[in-house]
Protein backbone atom coordinates (compact mmCIF):
# COMPACT_ATOMS: atom_id res chain seq x y z
CA MET A 1 -3.98 84.69 78.02
CA PRO A 2 -6.34 87.02 80.79
CA ARG A 3 -6.27 86.73 83.93
CA PRO A 4 -8.75 85.29 86.07
CA LYS A 5 -11.08 88.03 87.81
CA GLY A 6 -9.46 88.95 90.97
CA SER A 7 -5.87 88.11 90.50
CA LYS A 8 -4.18 91.28 89.81
CA ASN A 9 -3.14 91.52 93.25
CA LYS A 10 -2.69 88.33 93.82
CA PRO A 11 1.58 87.40 93.35
CA VAL A 12 2.11 84.43 90.72
CA LEU A 13 4.23 81.48 91.82
CA THR A 14 6.42 80.04 89.66
CA ILE A 15 6.28 76.27 88.48
CA ASP A 16 8.96 75.24 91.08
CA GLU A 17 7.53 77.66 94.01
CA ARG A 18 4.22 75.87 93.20
CA ILE A 19 6.14 72.17 92.86
CA ALA A 20 7.81 73.54 96.75
CA GLN A 21 4.25 74.34 98.28
CA VAL A 22 2.66 70.89 96.98
CA THR A 23 5.53 69.05 98.40
CA ALA A 24 5.17 70.70 101.20
CA GLU A 25 1.72 70.09 101.53
CA ILE A 26 2.30 66.61 101.11
CA GLU A 27 4.65 65.81 103.99
CA SER A 28 2.39 67.87 106.33
CA LEU A 29 -0.50 65.45 105.09
CA GLN A 30 1.82 62.12 105.46
CA GLU A 31 2.93 63.91 109.20
CA GLN A 32 -0.53 63.84 110.37
CA ILE A 33 -1.66 60.35 108.73
CA LYS A 34 1.21 59.11 111.12
CA GLU A 35 -0.23 60.55 113.64
CA LYS A 36 -3.50 59.43 113.43
CA LYS A 37 -2.12 56.00 112.94
CA ALA A 38 -0.29 56.00 116.05
CA GLU A 39 -3.97 57.54 117.91
CA LEU A 40 -5.96 54.67 116.20
CA LYS A 41 -3.16 51.55 117.25
CA GLN A 42 -3.61 53.47 121.01
CA LEU A 43 -7.06 53.31 120.74
CA ASN A 44 -6.89 49.45 119.10
CA ASP A 45 -4.57 49.06 122.82
CA GLU A 46 -6.73 50.37 124.87
CA LYS A 47 -9.88 48.35 123.48
CA ALA A 48 -8.71 45.23 123.60
CA GLU A 49 -7.37 45.82 127.29
CA GLU A 50 -10.74 46.87 127.62
CA ASP A 51 -12.36 43.67 126.35
CA GLN A 52 -9.90 41.32 128.29
CA LYS A 53 -10.89 43.20 131.39
CA ARG A 54 -14.95 42.10 130.56
CA LEU A 55 -13.40 38.65 129.34
CA MET A 56 -12.00 37.77 132.38
CA ALA A 57 -15.23 39.61 134.47
CA ALA A 58 -17.88 37.56 132.60
CA VAL A 59 -15.13 34.24 133.39
CA LEU A 60 -15.43 35.39 137.26
CA ALA A 61 -18.86 35.69 137.46
CA SER A 62 -19.69 32.41 135.40
CA GLY A 63 -18.41 30.47 138.39
CA LYS A 64 -16.37 28.27 136.49
CA THR A 65 -12.57 28.18 136.09
CA VAL A 66 -10.33 29.29 133.20
CA ASP A 67 -9.83 25.61 132.49
CA GLU A 68 -13.56 24.70 131.64
CA ILE A 69 -14.55 27.59 129.52
CA ILE A 70 -11.35 27.12 127.13
CA GLU A 71 -12.75 23.18 127.37
CA MET A 72 -16.47 24.82 126.51
CA ILE A 73 -14.97 27.19 124.06
CA SER A 74 -12.43 24.41 122.46
CA GLY A 75 -15.36 22.13 122.63
CA SER A 76 -17.70 24.29 120.44
CA ALA A 77 -15.49 25.62 118.20
CA GLN A 78 -14.95 21.69 117.03
């Protein structure tokens, strides 16, 4: 079988070496996914905290008690 153009100086990997290379790449990508999931969880937690602060600020600005607001929400949901 003829070699592809420019391949005469490239080392030829055995099938076991190629399998090991792909396995290592998969493991690396899995680690990156794990890190990104942790980052996403942290960002979602920060967003929930910000939303909670905004909600509490709106409650305070409304002049109503928390119980009154809960009643309004509960009453409109039914």
